[in-house]
Amino acid sequence: MNTAVSATARTVVTSDGRTLACLEVGDPSGPLVIHNHGGPSSRLEALLFAEAAMKHKLRFVCVDRPGIGQSSLQANRTYAGWADDMTAIADALGHQTFGVTGWSEGGPWALAAAAYVDPARLRHVTNIAGGCYGAFGDNWAADRLSKADALGGFLALHLEPGFRLMYAAIGITAEHFRETYFKELLKAVNDYDRQVLLRPGVEAAFCDASAECFAQGSEGLVRDSELLYRAWAFDVTRIERPVHFWQGLADTLVPPFINLAIADRMPGAVWHSIEDAGHFIAVGAADDILAIAAEELRA
């Protein structure tokens, strides 16, 4: 990873006066891709995709979701509302058409775009190892989740104070004990992911993005994550437009079963898997992922 990549900070003000903080990498004259970061993460996640974005001449913009990083907190969050925010970003940046990607906790927000945004404007959608825990009802795949996510789902639905405490603890570790935070991550993933994470520059970029998530505390991430576990307001089985699913079949953080089950029931799903890849397929296969985005956006 080239640590000297060029990045541009941008701010978009919504119609209701909120601020959305963005980081842009790649080619400023290329087709627009709005990226939905994981969790805990932030707009700084764009740096992990910078080389692939530049190679494929994409204007790749990662935005802090409400209350995360430098974006304003939003009292009543909805998937439809975030789809409107992504459209507002495209408008502010001067793009009639655009694509959307989402990784991990960002995956469901990309699927929301597929559900709510006019296909004439939204020309590409990618869900990368999405944390799609509410797609078929409250925490529908609880028995398939990792211990940490199973606990998180239980707390989100049944014991909110405990859920908040869990995320506050993660925030303290991400912000103040980065070495410990990264070492615990390396223990939790497979060999494919460890090789990706140990590439030059990846550790620093990933840890910076995670720490920035908590710039305003943990409230933004708590609200973001709660929506993932609760039954979604949109029906994935009614999404007929093409949606690309990327999944590492050895993912130890988001079990492949979850996204495969959704893809099997989504008429427009296009499935891409890598046998030995883990959760960091987003970075390891970024070149292939963004090559398809570029092709569809230029079609």
C-alpha atoms as a PDB file:
ATOM      1  CA  MET A   1       0.000   0.000   0.000  1.00  0.00           C
ATOM      2  CA  ASN A   2       1.342   3.387  -0.992  1.00  0.00           C
ATOM      3  CA  THR A   3       1.268   5.566   2.130  1.00  0.00           C
ATOM      4  CA  ALA A   4       1.791   8.743   0.080  1.00  0.00           C
ATOM      5  CA  VAL A   5      -1.563   8.589  -1.729  1.00  0.00           C
ATOM      6  CA  SER A   6      -3.405  11.840  -2.321  1.00  0.00           C
ATOM      7  CA  ALA A   7      -6.624  12.342  -0.378  1.00  0.00           C
ATOM      8  CA  THR A   8      -9.035  15.265  -0.222  1.00  0.00           C
ATOM      9  CA  ALA A   9     -11.294  16.096   2.721  1.00  0.00           C
ATOM     10  CA  ARG A  10     -14.792  17.225   1.779  1.00  0.00           C
ATOM     11  CA  THR A  11     -17.894  18.318   3.672  1.00  0.00           C
ATOM     12  CA  VAL A  12     -21.484  18.091   2.472  1.00  0.00           C
ATOM     13  CA  VAL A  13     -24.339  19.878   4.243  1.00  0.00           C
ATOM     14  CA  THR A  14     -27.716  18.119   4.046  1.00  0.00           C
ATOM     15  CA  SER A  15     -31.056  19.835   3.484  1.00  0.00           C
ATOM     16  CA  ASP A  16     -31.794  19.612   7.218  1.00  0.00           C
ATOM     17  CA  GLY A  17     -28.478  21.258   8.138  1.00  0.00           C
ATOM     18  CA  ARG A  18     -26.410  18.225   9.111  1.00  0.00           C
ATOM     19  CA  THR A  19     -22.757  17.902   8.147  1.00  0.00           C
ATOM     20  CA  LEU A  20     -21.414  14.813   6.377  1.00  0.00           C
ATOM     21  CA  ALA A  21     -17.628  14.493   6.431  1.00  0.00           C
ATOM     22  CA  CYS A  22     -16.009  12.703   3.483  1.00  0.00           C
ATOM     23  CA  LEU A  23     -12.559  11.655   2.334  1.00  0.00           C
ATOM     24  CA  GLU A  24     -11.932  11.391  -1.398  1.00  0.00           C
ATOM     25  CA  VAL A  25      -9.229   9.350  -3.127  1.00  0.00           C
ATOM     26  CA  GLY A  26      -8.622   8.247  -6.698  1.00  0.00           C
ATOM     27  CA  ASP A  27      -9.344  10.274  -9.830  1.00  0.00           C
ATOM     28  CA  PRO A  28     -11.395  13.449  -9.191  1.00  0.00           C
ATOM     29  CA  SER A  29     -12.579  13.420 -12.805  1.00  0.00           C
ATOM     30  CA  GLY A  30     -13.696   9.774 -12.755  1.00  0.00           C
ATOM     31  CA  PRO A  31     -17.080   8.161 -12.076  1.00  0.00           C
ATOM     32  CA  LEU A  32     -18.237   8.534  -8.471  1.00  0.00           C
ATOM     33  CA  VAL A  33     -18.275   5.672  -5.973  1.00  0.00           C
ATOM     34  CA  ILE A  34     -19.653   6.412  -2.494  1.00  0.00           C
ATOM     35  CA  HIS A  35     -18.204   3.955   0.001  1.00  0.00           C
ATOM     36  CA  ASN A  36     -19.860   2.878   3.251  1.00  0.00           C
ATOM     37  CA  HIS A  37     -17.198   2.120   5.841  1.00  0.00           C
ATOM     38  CA  GLY A  38     -17.252  -0.742   8.317  1.00  0.00           C
ATOM     39  CA  GLY A  39     -17.530  -0.523  12.076  1.00  0.00           C
ATOM     40  CA  PRO A  40     -15.730   0.626  13.993  1.00  0.00           C
ATOM     41  CA  SER A  41     -14.351   2.684  11.129  1.00  0.00           C
ATOM     42  CA  SER A  42     -14.726   6.039   9.432  1.00  0.00           C
ATOM     43  CA  ARG A  43     -14.149   8.050   6.264  1.00  0.00           C
ATOM     44  CA  LEU A  44     -10.407   7.339   6.645  1.00  0.00           C
ATOM     45  CA  GLU A  45     -11.139   3.823   5.391  1.00  0.00           C
ATOM     46  CA  ALA A  46     -10.936   5.361   1.903  1.00  0.00           C
ATOM     47  CA  LEU A  47      -7.148   5.163   2.158  1.00  0.00           C
ATOM     48  CA  LEU A  48      -7.309   1.362   2.079  1.00  0.00           C
ATOM     49  CA  PHE A  49      -8.869   1.573  -1.395  1.00  0.00           C
ATOM     50  CA  ALA A  50      -6.826   4.479  -2.752  1.00  0.00           C
ATOM     51  CA  GLU A  51      -4.485   2.537  -5.040  1.00  0.00           C
ATOM     52  CA  ALA A  52      -7.283   0.495  -6.629  1.00  0.00           C
ATOM     53  CA  ALA A  53      -9.435   3.609  -7.032  1.00  0.00           C
ATOM     54  CA  MET A  54      -6.640   5.436  -8.818  1.00  0.00           C
ATOM     55  CA  LYS A  55      -5.805   2.431 -10.991  1.00  0.00           C
ATOM     56  CA  HIS A  56      -9.399   2.240 -12.221  1.00  0.00           C
ATOM     57  CA  LYS A  57      -9.793   6.032 -12.373  1.00  0.00           C
ATOM     58  CA  LEU A  58     -12.669   6.205  -9.917  1.00  0.00           C
ATOM     59  CA  ARG A  59     -13.620   9.128  -7.724  1.00  0.00           C
ATOM     60  CA  PHE A  60     -13.880   7.122  -4.505  1.00  0.00           C
ATOM     61  CA  VAL A  61     -15.522   8.961  -1.605  1.00  0.00           C
ATOM     62  CA  CYS A  62     -15.936   7.471   1.866  1.00  0.00           C
ATOM     63  CA  VAL A  63     -18.349   9.266   4.197  1.00  0.00           C
ATOM     64  CA  ASP A  64     -18.659   9.206   7.992  1.00  0.00           C
ATOM     65  CA  ARG A  65     -22.171   8.064   8.871  1.00  0.00           C
ATOM     66  CA  PRO A  66     -24.085  10.220  11.386  1.00  0.00           C
ATOM     67  CA  GLY A  67     -22.340  10.671  14.739  1.00  0.00           C
ATOM     68  CA  ILE A  68     -19.219   8.883  13.498  1.00  0.00           C
ATOM     69  CA  GLY A  69     -15.956  10.714  12.853  1.00  0.00           C
ATOM     70  CA  GLN A  70     -16.806  14.300  11.953  1.00  0.00           C
ATOM     71  CA  SER A  71     -20.398  13.837  10.708  1.00  0.00           C
ATOM     72  CA  SER A  72     -23.294  15.307  12.680  1.00  0.00           C
ATOM     73  CA  LEU A  73     -25.307  13.006  14.909  1.00  0.00           C
ATOM     74  CA  GLN A  74     -28.816  12.317  13.616  1.00  0.00           C
ATOM     75  CA  ALA A  75     -31.658  11.705  16.057  1.00  0.00           C
ATOM     76  CA  ASN A  76     -33.796   9.411  13.932  1.00  0.00           C
ATOM     77  CA  ARG A  77     -31.806   7.285  11.546  1.00  0.00           C
ATOM     78  CA  THR A  78     -33.340   5.164   8.811  1.00  0.00           C
ATOM     79  CA  TYR A  79     -32.058   3.220   5.828  1.00  0.00           C
ATOM     80  CA  ALA A  80     -34.185   5.321   3.485  1.00  0.00           C
ATOM     81  CA  GLY A  81     -32.791   8.480   5.055  1.00  0.00           C
ATOM     82  CA  TRP A  82     -29.227   7.350   4.469  1.00  0.00           C
ATOM     83  CA  ALA A  83     -30.042   6.540   0.848  1.00  0.00           C
ATOM     84  CA  ASP A  84     -31.209  10.151   0.549  1.00  0.00           C
ATOM     85  CA  ASP A  85     -27.943  11.330   2.138  1.00  0.00           C
ATOM     86  CA  MET A  86     -25.872   9.379  -0.380  1.00  0.00           C
ATOM     87  CA  THR A  87     -27.879  10.933  -3.204  1.00  0.00           C
ATOM     88  CA  ALA A  88     -27.279  14.358  -1.645  1.00  0.00           C
ATOM     89  CA  ILE A  89     -23.530  13.671  -1.653  1.00  0.00           C
ATOM     90  CA  ALA A  90     -23.648  12.777  -5.352  1.00  0.00           C
ATOM     91  CA  ASP A  91     -25.582  15.979  -6.046  1.00  0.00           C
ATOM     92  CA  ALA A  92     -23.123  18.096  -4.057  1.00  0.00           C
ATOM     93  CA  LEU A  93     -20.195  16.578  -5.945  1.00  0.00           C
ATOM     94  CA  GLY A  94     -21.851  17.215  -9.304  1.00  0.00           C
ATOM     95  CA  HIS A  95     -22.677  13.626 -10.330  1.00  0.00           C
ATOM     96  CA  GLN A  96     -25.972  12.565 -11.859  1.00  0.00           C
ATOM     97  CA  THR A  97     -24.981   8.887 -11.720  1.00  0.00           C
ATOM     98  CA  PHE A  98     -22.890   7.073  -9.144  1.00  0.00           C
ATOM     99  CA  GLY A  99     -22.067   3.742  -7.547  1.00  0.00           C
ATOM    100  CA  VAL A 100     -22.165   2.570  -3.938  1.00  0.00           C
ATOM    101  CA  THR A 101     -19.972   0.095  -2.087  1.00  0.00           C
ATOM    102  CA  GLY A 102     -20.134  -1.084   1.522  1.00  0.00           C
ATOM    103  CA  TRP A 103     -17.859  -3.269   3.603  1.00  0.00           C
ATOM    104  CA  SER A 104     -18.798  -5.158   6.765  1.00  0.00           C
ATOM    105  CA  GLU A 105     -21.093  -2.891   8.800  1.00  0.00           C
ATOM    106  CA  GLY A 106     -21.292  -0.710   5.690  1.00  0.00           C
ATOM    107  CA  GLY A 107     -22.743  -3.528   3.576  1.00  0.00           C
ATOM    108  CA  PRO A 108     -26.358  -3.081   4.712  1.00  0.00           C
ATOM    109  CA  TRP A 109     -26.219   0.623   3.879  1.00  0.00           C
ATOM    110  CA  ALA A 110     -25.130  -0.241   0.344  1.00  0.00           C
ATOM    111  CA  LEU A 111     -28.069  -2.638   0.073  1.00  0.00           C
ATOM    112  CA  ALA A 112     -30.344   0.155   1.289  1.00  0.00           C
ATOM    113  CA  ALA A 113     -29.163   2.249  -1.641  1.00  0.00           C
ATOM    114  CA  ALA A 114     -30.088  -0.617  -3.958  1.00  0.00           C
ATOM    115  CA  ALA A 115     -33.557  -0.686  -2.393  1.00  0.00           C
ATOM    116  CA  TYR A 116     -34.294   3.036  -2.340  1.00  0.00           C
ATOM    117  CA  VAL A 117     -32.264   4.912  -4.989  1.00  0.00           C
ATOM    118  CA  ASP A 118     -33.496   5.208  -8.571  1.00  0.00           C
ATOM    119  CA  PRO A 119     -31.518   2.716 -10.728  1.00  0.00           C
ATOM    120  CA  ALA A 120     -31.220   5.423 -13.379  1.00  0.00           C
ATOM    121  CA  ARG A 121     -28.932   7.243 -10.947  1.00  0.00           C
ATOM    122  CA  LEU A 122     -27.419   4.360  -9.001  1.00  0.00           C
ATOM    123  CA  ARG A 123     -25.459   2.420 -11.597  1.00  0.00           C
ATOM    124  CA  HIS A 124     -23.466   0.049  -9.372  1.00  0.00           C
ATOM    125  CA  VAL A 125     -23.863  -1.590  -5.935  1.00  0.00           C
ATOM    126  CA  THR A 126     -21.386  -3.786  -4.069  1.00  0.00           C
ATOM    127  CA  ASN A 127     -21.819  -5.433  -0.666  1.00  0.00           C
ATOM    128  CA  ILE A 128     -18.512  -6.747   0.708  1.00  0.00           C
ATOM    129  CA  ALA A 129     -18.853  -9.239   3.591  1.00  0.00           C
ATOM    130  CA  GLY A 130     -21.780  -7.206   4.887  1.00  0.00           C
ATOM    131  CA  GLY A 131     -22.972  -7.475   8.479  1.00  0.00           C
ATOM    132  CA  CYS A 132     -26.518  -8.169   7.302  1.00  0.00           C
ATOM    133  CA  TYR A 133     -27.908  -9.255  10.660  1.00  0.00           C
ATOM    134  CA  GLY A 134     -31.423  -7.817  10.300  1.00  0.00           C
ATOM    135  CA  ALA A 135     -32.168  -8.721   6.688  1.00  0.00           C
ATOM    136  CA  PHE A 136     -34.751 -11.391   7.561  1.00  0.00           C
ATOM    137  CA  GLY A 137     -35.840 -10.209  11.014  1.00  0.00           C
ATOM    138  CA  ASP A 138     -34.294  -9.263  14.345  1.00  0.00           C
ATOM    139  CA  ASN A 139     -30.813 -10.846  14.526  1.00  0.00           C
ATOM    140  CA  TRP A 140     -32.064 -13.583  12.210  1.00  0.00           C
ATOM    141  CA  ALA A 141     -28.776 -15.512  12.027  1.00  0.00           C
ATOM    142  CA  ALA A 142     -27.784 -15.271  15.696  1.00  0.00           C
ATOM    143  CA  ASP A 143     -26.783 -18.939  15.864  1.00  0.00           C
ATOM    144  CA  ARG A 144     -24.299 -18.417  13.001  1.00  0.00           C
ATOM    145  CA  LEU A 145     -22.487 -15.365  14.376  1.00  0.00           C
ATOM    146  CA  SER A 146     -19.111 -15.068  16.047  1.00  0.00           C
ATOM    147  CA  LYS A 147     -19.290 -14.929  19.848  1.00  0.00           C
ATOM    148  CA  ALA A 148     -18.625 -11.177  19.841  1.00  0.00           C
ATOM    149  CA  ASP A 149     -21.339 -10.410  17.294  1.00  0.00           C
ATOM    150  CA  ALA A 150     -23.801 -12.807  18.923  1.00  0.00           C
ATOM    151  CA  LEU A 151     -23.282 -10.977  22.207  1.00  0.00           C
ATOM    152  CA  GLY A 152     -23.584  -7.623  20.474  1.00  0.00           C
ATOM    153  CA  GLY A 153     -26.845  -8.637  18.849  1.00  0.00           C
ATOM    154  CA  PHE A 154     -28.318  -9.852  22.123  1.00  0.00           C
ATOM    155  CA  LEU A 155     -27.352  -6.648  23.906  1.00  0.00           C
ATOM    156  CA  ALA A 156     -28.601  -4.442  21.071  1.00  0.00           C
ATOM    157  CA  LEU A 157     -32.035  -6.053  21.175  1.00  0.00           C
ATOM    158  CA  HIS A 158     -32.429  -6.781  24.875  1.00  0.00           C
ATOM    159  CA  LEU A 159     -29.988  -4.790  27.018  1.00  0.00           C
ATOM    160  CA  GLU A 160     -29.111  -1.452  25.441  1.00  0.00           C
ATOM    161  CA  PRO A 161     -26.994  -0.160  28.391  1.00  0.00           C
ATOM    162  CA  GLY A 162     -24.760  -3.204  28.016  1.00  0.00           C
ATOM    163  CA  PHE A 163     -24.527  -2.622  24.268  1.00  0.00           C
ATOM    164  CA  ARG A 164     -23.432   0.969  24.874  1.00  0.00           C
ATOM    165  CA  LEU A 165     -20.879  -0.139  27.447  1.00  0.00           C
ATOM    166  CA  MET A 166     -19.428  -2.700  25.031  1.00  0.00           C
ATOM    167  CA  TYR A 167     -18.911  -0.090  22.316  1.00  0.00           C
ATOM    168  CA  ALA A 168     -17.506   2.446  24.745  1.00  0.00           C
ATOM    169  CA  ALA A 169     -14.875  -0.128  25.769  1.00  0.00           C
ATOM    170  CA  ILE A 170     -14.024  -0.843  22.129  1.00  0.00           C
ATOM    171  CA  GLY A 171     -13.632   2.885  21.569  1.00  0.00           C
ATOM    172  CA  ILE A 172     -11.193   3.287  24.448  1.00  0.00           C
ATOM    173  CA  THR A 173      -9.067   0.447  23.111  1.00  0.00           C
ATOM    174  CA  ALA A 174      -9.168   1.706  19.492  1.00  0.00           C
ATOM    175  CA  GLU A 175      -8.235   5.261  20.500  1.00  0.00           C
ATOM    176  CA  HIS A 176      -5.716   4.724  23.289  1.00  0.00           C
ATOM    177  CA  PHE A 177      -4.374   1.174  23.012  1.00  0.00           C
ATOM    178  CA  ARG A 178      -3.869   0.721  19.290  1.00  0.00           C
ATOM    179  CA  GLU A 179      -1.212  -1.984  19.569  1.00  0.00           C
ATOM    180  CA  THR A 180      -3.529  -4.105  21.700  1.00  0.00           C
ATOM    181  CA  TYR A 181      -6.463  -3.373  19.388  1.00  0.00           C
ATOM    182  CA  PHE A 182      -4.523  -4.520  16.337  1.00  0.00           C
ATOM    183  CA  LYS A 183      -3.051  -7.601  18.026  1.00  0.00           C
ATOM    184  CA  GLU A 184      -6.530  -8.760  19.057  1.00  0.00           C
ATOM    185  CA  LEU A 185      -7.709  -8.313  15.485  1.00  0.00           C
ATOM    186  CA  LEU A 186      -4.829 -10.432  14.165  1.00  0.00           C
ATOM    187  CA  LYS A 187      -5.868 -13.214  16.570  1.00  0.00           C
ATOM    188  CA  ALA A 188      -9.462 -13.095  15.378  1.00  0.00           C
ATOM    189  CA  VAL A 189      -8.840 -13.455  11.623  1.00  0.00           C
ATOM    190  CA  ASN A 190      -7.392 -16.115   9.322  1.00  0.00           C
ATOM    191  CA  ASP A 191      -4.037 -16.295   7.544  1.00  0.00           C
ATOM    192  CA  TYR A 192      -5.331 -14.528   4.413  1.00  0.00           C
ATOM    193  CA  ASP A 193      -6.461 -11.580   6.500  1.00  0.00           C
ATOM    194  CA  ARG A 194      -3.255 -11.478   8.516  1.00  0.00           C
ATOM    195  CA  GLN A 195      -1.228 -11.249   5.308  1.00  0.00           C
ATOM    196  CA  VAL A 196      -3.408  -8.351   4.128  1.00  0.00           C
ATOM    197  CA  LEU A 197      -3.224  -6.559   7.476  1.00  0.00           C
ATOM    198  CA  LEU A 198       0.567  -6.846   7.601  1.00  0.00           C
ATOM    199  CA  ARG A 199       1.073  -5.190   4.216  1.00  0.00           C
ATOM    200  CA  PRO A 200       3.015  -1.908   4.460  1.00  0.00           C
ATOM    201  CA  GLY A 201       0.764   0.927   5.567  1.00  0.00           C
ATOM    202  CA  VAL A 202      -2.373  -1.141   6.217  1.00  0.00           C
ATOM    203  CA  GLU A 203      -2.053  -1.333  10.006  1.00  0.00           C
ATOM    204  CA  ALA A 204      -1.692   2.438  10.377  1.00  0.00           C
ATOM    205  CA  ALA A 205      -4.548   3.197   7.967  1.00  0.00           C
ATOM    206  CA  PHE A 206      -6.875   0.679   9.574  1.00  0.00           C
ATOM    207  CA  CYS A 207      -6.124   1.783  13.135  1.00  0.00           C
ATOM    208  CA  ASP A 208      -6.499   5.462  12.205  1.00  0.00           C
ATOM    209  CA  ALA A 209      -9.891   4.746  10.635  1.00  0.00           C
ATOM    210  CA  SER A 210     -11.022   2.778  13.693  1.00  0.00           C
ATOM    211  CA  ALA A 211      -9.916   5.435  16.184  1.00  0.00           C
ATOM    212  CA  GLU A 212     -11.553   8.236  14.196  1.00  0.00           C
ATOM    213  CA  CYS A 213     -14.869   6.390  14.477  1.00  0.00           C
ATOM    214  CA  PHE A 214     -14.981   7.495  18.131  1.00  0.00           C
ATOM    215  CA  ALA A 215     -14.065  11.162  17.627  1.00  0.00           C
ATOM    216  CA  GLN A 216     -17.450  12.113  19.127  1.00  0.00           C
ATOM    217  CA  GLY A 217     -17.677   9.139  21.473  1.00  0.00           C
ATOM    218  CA  SER A 218     -19.430   5.853  20.796  1.00  0.00           C
ATOM    219  CA  GLU A 219     -23.032   7.074  20.341  1.00  0.00           C
ATOM    220  CA  GLY A 220     -22.840   7.233  16.550  1.00  0.00           C
ATOM    221  CA  LEU A 221     -21.556   3.670  16.259  1.00  0.00           C
ATOM    222  CA  VAL A 222     -24.139   2.405  18.766  1.00  0.00           C
ATOM    223  CA  ARG A 223     -27.007   3.812  16.705  1.00  0.00           C
ATOM    224  CA  ASP A 224     -25.429   2.557  13.493  1.00  0.00           C
ATOM    225  CA  SER A 225     -25.000  -0.974  14.816  1.00  0.00           C
ATOM    226  CA  GLU A 226     -28.432  -1.222  16.437  1.00  0.00           C
ATOM    227  CA  LEU A 227     -30.054  -0.784  13.041  1.00  0.00           C
ATOM    228  CA  LEU A 228     -28.047  -3.680  11.613  1.00  0.00           C
ATOM    229  CA  TYR A 229     -29.420  -6.153  14.153  1.00  0.00           C
ATOM    230  CA  ARG A 230     -33.052  -5.032  14.056  1.00  0.00           C
ATOM    231  CA  ALA A 231     -35.390  -6.151  11.274  1.00  0.00           C
ATOM    232  CA  TRP A 232     -34.716  -3.959   8.249  1.00  0.00           C
ATOM    233  CA  ALA A 233     -37.376  -1.669   6.817  1.00  0.00           C
ATOM    234  CA  PHE A 234     -36.693  -2.885   3.271  1.00  0.00           C
ATOM    235  CA  ASP A 235     -37.087  -6.299   1.689  1.00  0.00           C
ATOM    236  CA  VAL A 236     -33.898  -7.655   0.108  1.00  0.00           C
ATOM    237  CA  THR A 237     -35.898 -10.255  -1.827  1.00  0.00           C
ATOM    238  CA  ARG A 238     -37.473  -7.453  -3.879  1.00  0.00           C
ATOM    239  CA  ILE A 239     -34.164  -5.983  -5.099  1.00  0.00           C
ATOM    240  CA  GLU A 240     -34.026  -6.933  -8.766  1.00  0.00           C
ATOM    241  CA  ARG A 241     -31.249  -4.602  -9.958  1.00  0.00           C
ATOM    242  CA  PRO A 242     -27.711  -6.120 -10.076  1.00  0.00           C
ATOM    243  CA  VAL A 243     -25.972  -6.153  -6.702  1.00  0.00           C
ATOM    244  CA  HIS A 244     -22.482  -7.599  -6.371  1.00  0.00           C
ATOM    245  CA  PHE A 245     -21.747  -9.689  -3.279  1.00  0.00           C
ATOM    246  CA  TRP A 246     -18.101 -10.295  -2.366  1.00  0.00           C
ATOM    247  CA  GLN A 247     -17.391 -12.837   0.343  1.00  0.00           C
ATOM    248  CA  GLY A 248     -14.348 -14.623   1.680  1.00  0.00           C
ATOM    249  CA  LEU A 249     -15.401 -18.204   2.337  1.00  0.00           C
ATOM    250  CA  ALA A 250     -13.017 -18.391   5.302  1.00  0.00           C
ATOM    251  CA  ASP A 251     -14.332 -15.186   6.924  1.00  0.00           C
ATOM    252  CA  THR A 252     -14.162 -15.557  10.722  1.00  0.00           C
ATOM    253  CA  LEU A 253     -15.943 -12.246  11.456  1.00  0.00           C
ATOM    254  CA  VAL A 254     -19.014 -12.350   9.194  1.00  0.00           C
ATOM    255  CA  PRO A 255     -19.939 -15.974   8.406  1.00  0.00           C
ATOM    256  CA  PRO A 256     -20.355 -16.587   4.651  1.00  0.00           C
ATOM    257  CA  PHE A 257     -23.732 -18.207   5.344  1.00  0.00           C
ATOM    258  CA  ILE A 258     -25.284 -14.807   6.032  1.00  0.00           C
ATOM    259  CA  ASN A 259     -24.541 -13.139   2.704  1.00  0.00           C
ATOM    260  CA  LEU A 260     -24.974 -16.330   0.711  1.00  0.00           C
ATOM    261  CA  ALA A 261     -28.481 -16.736   2.152  1.00  0.00           C
ATOM    262  CA  ILE A 262     -29.325 -13.164   1.143  1.00  0.00           C
ATOM    263  CA  ALA A 263     -27.809 -13.512  -2.319  1.00  0.00           C
ATOM    264  CA  ASP A 264     -29.777 -16.722  -2.873  1.00  0.00           C
ATOM    265  CA  ARG A 265     -33.025 -14.842  -2.247  1.00  0.00           C
ATOM    266  CA  MET A 266     -32.165 -11.562  -4.009  1.00  0.00           C
ATOM    267  CA  PRO A 267     -33.118 -11.673  -7.706  1.00  0.00           C
ATOM    268  CA  GLY A 268     -30.354  -9.308  -8.806  1.00  0.00           C
ATOM    269  CA  ALA A 269     -27.500 -10.741  -6.745  1.00  0.00           C
ATOM    270  CA  VAL A 270     -24.169 -11.453  -8.463  1.00  0.00           C
ATOM    271  CA  TRP A 271     -22.031 -13.683  -6.246  1.00  0.00           C
ATOM    272  CA  HIS A 272     -18.228 -13.439  -6.025  1.00  0.00           C
ATOM    273  CA  SER A 273     -16.321 -15.568  -3.534  1.00  0.00           C
ATOM    274  CA  ILE A 274     -12.702 -16.405  -2.774  1.00  0.00           C
ATOM    275  CA  GLU A 275     -12.085 -19.774  -1.147  1.00  0.00           C
ATOM    276  CA  ASP A 276      -9.374 -18.905   1.378  1.00  0.00           C
ATOM    277  CA  ALA A 277     -10.167 -15.221   1.842  1.00  0.00           C
ATOM    278  CA  GLY A 278     -11.412 -13.788   5.106  1.00  0.00           C
ATOM    279  CA  HIS A 279     -13.102 -10.568   6.132  1.00  0.00           C
ATOM    280  CA  PHE A 280     -10.362  -8.410   4.624  1.00  0.00           C
ATOM    281  CA  ILE A 281     -11.268  -9.539   1.118  1.00  0.00           C
ATOM    282  CA  ALA A 282     -12.290  -5.885   0.756  1.00  0.00           C
ATOM    283  CA  VAL A 283      -8.638  -4.862   0.779  1.00  0.00           C
ATOM    284  CA  GLY A 284      -7.121  -8.036  -0.630  1.00  0.00           C
ATOM    285  CA  ALA A 285      -9.442  -8.058  -3.648  1.00  0.00           C
ATOM    286  CA  ALA A 286      -9.941  -4.288  -3.950  1.00  0.00           C
ATOM    287  CA  ASP A 287      -8.502  -4.282  -7.477  1.00  0.00           C
ATOM    288  CA  ASP A 288     -11.065  -6.828  -8.721  1.00  0.00           C
ATOM    289  CA  ILE A 289     -13.944  -5.230  -6.802  1.00  0.00           C
ATOM    290  CA  LEU A 290     -13.344  -1.741  -8.160  1.00  0.00           C
ATOM    291  CA  ALA A 291     -12.609  -3.028 -11.680  1.00  0.00           C
ATOM    292  CA  ILE A 292     -16.223  -4.218 -11.884  1.00  0.00           C
ATOM    293  CA  ALA A 293     -17.470  -0.933 -10.419  1.00  0.00           C
ATOM    294  CA  ALA A 294     -15.536   1.018 -13.032  1.00  0.00           C
ATOM    295  CA  GLU A 295     -16.819  -1.171 -15.850  1.00  0.00           C
ATOM    296  CA  GLU A 296     -20.467  -0.772 -14.849  1.00  0.00           C
ATOM    297  CA  LEU A 297     -20.212   2.953 -14.191  1.00  0.00           C
ATOM    298  CA  ARG A 298     -18.695   3.544 -17.617  1.00  0.00           C
ATOM    299  CA  ALA A 299     -21.155   1.310 -19.466  1.00  0.00           C
END
